[in-house]
Amino acid sequence: SSGINAEYGDLSFQVAEAPNVQVNRVVTIRELDQELHRHSALMTLDNKTDLKILTRFLNTEETVKEDDKPWYWDRLFTEVASELNSEWESMRELENGEIVR
């Protein structure tokens, strides 16, 4: 191991260079909708599965649009954990024949 340290020096003070990655623009829902309706080839999957029924019932951008609001990890984690614990407790009570609140 002393041979490696002698060859490369003390690596604990060296900083790795960040990779240079090209970031592509994310396609909007509206653009995906327009492409879907413009190209009938997108209505089948693997030239076998007909997706027309599925695409007929997809929600529009307006129905799924939400206001942007920040997510706070601690609060989100607490909310999800609380919901999961409540569901698990209800399931345990049902399995044990207890009355569920």
C-alpha atoms as a PDB file:
ATOM      1  CA  SER A   1       0.000   0.000   0.000  1.00  0.00           C
ATOM      2  CA  SER A   2       2.940   2.352   0.584  1.00  0.00           C
ATOM      3  CA  GLY A   3       3.923   1.826  -3.070  1.00  0.00           C
ATOM      4  CA  ILE A   4       0.514   3.117  -4.206  1.00  0.00           C
ATOM      5  CA  ASN A   5       0.786   6.181  -1.933  1.00  0.00           C
ATOM      6  CA  ALA A   6       4.263   6.874  -3.255  1.00  0.00           C
ATOM      7  CA  GLU A   7       3.099   6.596  -6.861  1.00  0.00           C
ATOM      8  CA  TYR A   8      -0.083   8.718  -6.583  1.00  0.00           C
ATOM      9  CA  GLY A   9       0.633  10.848  -3.530  1.00  0.00           C
ATOM     10  CA  ASP A  10      -1.933  11.506  -0.802  1.00  0.00           C
ATOM     11  CA  LEU A  11      -5.300  11.063  -2.533  1.00  0.00           C
ATOM     12  CA  SER A  12      -7.265  12.421   0.434  1.00  0.00           C
ATOM     13  CA  PHE A  13      -6.514  15.997  -0.686  1.00  0.00           C
ATOM     14  CA  GLN A  14      -7.336  15.511  -4.357  1.00  0.00           C
ATOM     15  CA  VAL A  15     -10.737  16.426  -5.783  1.00  0.00           C
ATOM     16  CA  ALA A  16     -12.246  14.444  -8.639  1.00  0.00           C
ATOM     17  CA  GLU A  17     -13.217  16.401 -11.718  1.00  0.00           C
ATOM     18  CA  ALA A  18     -16.982  16.436 -12.268  1.00  0.00           C
ATOM     19  CA  PRO A  19     -18.094  14.714 -15.472  1.00  0.00           C
ATOM     20  CA  ASN A  20     -19.246  16.885 -18.331  1.00  0.00           C
ATOM     21  CA  VAL A  21     -22.759  15.648 -19.121  1.00  0.00           C
ATOM     22  CA  GLN A  22     -25.037  17.078 -21.765  1.00  0.00           C
ATOM     23  CA  VAL A  23     -28.492  17.756 -20.345  1.00  0.00           C
ATOM     24  CA  ASN A  24     -31.367  17.332 -22.754  1.00  0.00           C
ATOM     25  CA  ARG A  25     -34.536  19.345 -22.448  1.00  0.00           C
ATOM     26  CA  VAL A  26     -37.473  17.520 -20.884  1.00  0.00           C
ATOM     27  CA  VAL A  27     -40.473  17.210 -23.176  1.00  0.00           C
ATOM     28  CA  THR A  28     -43.669  18.827 -21.884  1.00  0.00           C
ATOM     29  CA  ILE A  29     -46.997  17.022 -21.583  1.00  0.00           C
ATOM     30  CA  ARG A  30     -48.433  19.297 -24.259  1.00  0.00           C
ATOM     31  CA  GLU A  31     -45.682  18.303 -26.706  1.00  0.00           C
ATOM     32  CA  LEU A  32     -46.235  14.621 -25.961  1.00  0.00           C
ATOM     33  CA  ASP A  33     -49.986  15.055 -26.509  1.00  0.00           C
ATOM     34  CA  GLN A  34     -49.408  16.767 -29.840  1.00  0.00           C
ATOM     35  CA  GLU A  35     -47.026  14.022 -30.994  1.00  0.00           C
ATOM     36  CA  LEU A  36     -49.438  11.316 -29.907  1.00  0.00           C
ATOM     37  CA  HIS A  37     -52.328  12.775 -31.911  1.00  0.00           C
ATOM     38  CA  ARG A  38     -50.150  13.624 -34.901  1.00  0.00           C
ATOM     39  CA  HIS A  39     -48.620  10.166 -35.390  1.00  0.00           C
ATOM     40  CA  SER A  40     -50.955   7.215 -35.690  1.00  0.00           C
ATOM     41  CA  ALA A  41     -47.921   4.908 -35.441  1.00  0.00           C
ATOM     42  CA  LEU A  42     -47.797   5.751 -31.729  1.00  0.00           C
ATOM     43  CA  MET A  43     -51.211   4.146 -31.311  1.00  0.00           C
ATOM     44  CA  THR A  44     -49.769   0.619 -31.395  1.00  0.00           C
ATOM     45  CA  LEU A  45     -47.082  -1.022 -29.307  1.00  0.00           C
ATOM     46  CA  ASP A  46     -44.741  -3.438 -31.089  1.00  0.00           C
ATOM     47  CA  ASN A  47     -47.167  -3.438 -34.039  1.00  0.00           C
ATOM     48  CA  LYS A  48     -49.380  -5.748 -31.952  1.00  0.00           C
ATOM     49  CA  THR A  49     -51.037  -3.953 -29.056  1.00  0.00           C
ATOM     50  CA  ASP A  50     -53.647  -1.330 -29.868  1.00  0.00           C
ATOM     51  CA  LEU A  51     -53.278   1.677 -27.559  1.00  0.00           C
ATOM     52  CA  LYS A  52     -56.261   3.649 -28.876  1.00  0.00           C
ATOM     53  CA  ILE A  53     -58.476   2.734 -25.914  1.00  0.00           C
ATOM     54  CA  LEU A  54     -55.743   3.710 -23.479  1.00  0.00           C
ATOM     55  CA  THR A  55     -55.031   7.020 -25.192  1.00  0.00           C
ATOM     56  CA  ARG A  56     -58.742   7.835 -25.292  1.00  0.00           C
ATOM     57  CA  PHE A  57     -58.860   7.825 -21.487  1.00  0.00           C
ATOM     58  CA  LEU A  58     -55.603   9.646 -20.765  1.00  0.00           C
ATOM     59  CA  ASN A  59     -55.977  12.815 -18.722  1.00  0.00           C
ATOM     60  CA  THR A  60     -55.284  16.124 -20.411  1.00  0.00           C
ATOM     61  CA  GLU A  61     -52.569  18.458 -19.237  1.00  0.00           C
ATOM     62  CA  GLU A  62     -55.155  20.773 -17.695  1.00  0.00           C
ATOM     63  CA  THR A  63     -56.585  18.026 -15.467  1.00  0.00           C
ATOM     64  CA  VAL A  64     -53.193  16.953 -14.097  1.00  0.00           C
ATOM     65  CA  LYS A  65     -51.603  20.393 -13.853  1.00  0.00           C
ATOM     66  CA  GLU A  66     -50.644  21.309 -10.288  1.00  0.00           C
ATOM     67  CA  ASP A  67     -49.126  24.412  -8.830  1.00  0.00           C
ATOM     68  CA  ASP A  68     -45.407  24.136  -8.239  1.00  0.00           C
ATOM     69  CA  LYS A  69     -44.672  24.045  -4.560  1.00  0.00           C
ATOM     70  CA  PRO A  70     -41.474  23.060  -2.817  1.00  0.00           C
ATOM     71  CA  TRP A  71     -41.099  19.622  -1.294  1.00  0.00           C
ATOM     72  CA  TYR A  72     -39.538  19.413   2.116  1.00  0.00           C
ATOM     73  CA  TRP A  73     -37.976  15.997   2.596  1.00  0.00           C
ATOM     74  CA  ASP A  74     -38.565  15.778   6.354  1.00  0.00           C
ATOM     75  CA  ARG A  75     -42.243  16.711   6.088  1.00  0.00           C
ATOM     76  CA  LEU A  76     -42.862  14.453   3.067  1.00  0.00           C
ATOM     77  CA  PHE A  77     -41.127  11.512   4.740  1.00  0.00           C
ATOM     78  CA  THR A  78     -43.144  12.017   7.925  1.00  0.00           C
ATOM     79  CA  GLU A  79     -46.459  12.226   6.044  1.00  0.00           C
ATOM     80  CA  VAL A  80     -45.782   9.098   3.972  1.00  0.00           C
ATOM     81  CA  ALA A  81     -44.499   7.134   6.974  1.00  0.00           C
ATOM     82  CA  SER A  82     -47.563   8.126   8.997  1.00  0.00           C
ATOM     83  CA  GLU A  83     -49.945   7.047   6.214  1.00  0.00           C
ATOM     84  CA  LEU A  84     -48.143   3.727   5.795  1.00  0.00           C
ATOM     85  CA  ASN A  85     -48.197   3.048   9.537  1.00  0.00           C
ATOM     86  CA  SER A  86     -51.923   3.797   9.676  1.00  0.00           C
ATOM     87  CA  GLU A  87     -52.595   1.411   6.767  1.00  0.00           C
ATOM     88  CA  TRP A  88     -50.460  -1.330   8.324  1.00  0.00           C
ATOM     89  CA  GLU A  89     -52.186  -0.922  11.689  1.00  0.00           C
ATOM     90  CA  SER A  90     -55.614  -1.164  10.022  1.00  0.00           C
ATOM     91  CA  MET A  91     -54.532  -4.301   8.155  1.00  0.00           C
ATOM     92  CA  ARG A  92     -53.236  -5.897  11.381  1.00  0.00           C
ATOM     93  CA  GLU A  93     -56.501  -5.107  13.149  1.00  0.00           C
ATOM     94  CA  LEU A  94     -58.504  -6.667  10.294  1.00  0.00           C
ATOM     95  CA  GLU A  95     -56.335  -9.772  10.362  1.00  0.00           C
ATOM     96  CA  ASN A  96     -56.840 -10.098  14.121  1.00  0.00           C
ATOM     97  CA  GLY A  97     -60.605  -9.569  13.847  1.00  0.00           C
ATOM     98  CA  GLU A  98     -60.455  -6.293  15.724  1.00  0.00           C
ATOM     99  CA  ILE A  99     -62.713  -3.329  15.013  1.00  0.00           C
ATOM    100  CA  VAL A 100     -61.060  -0.889  12.649  1.00  0.00           C
ATOM    101  CA  ARG A 101     -61.284   2.791  13.529  1.00  0.00           C
END
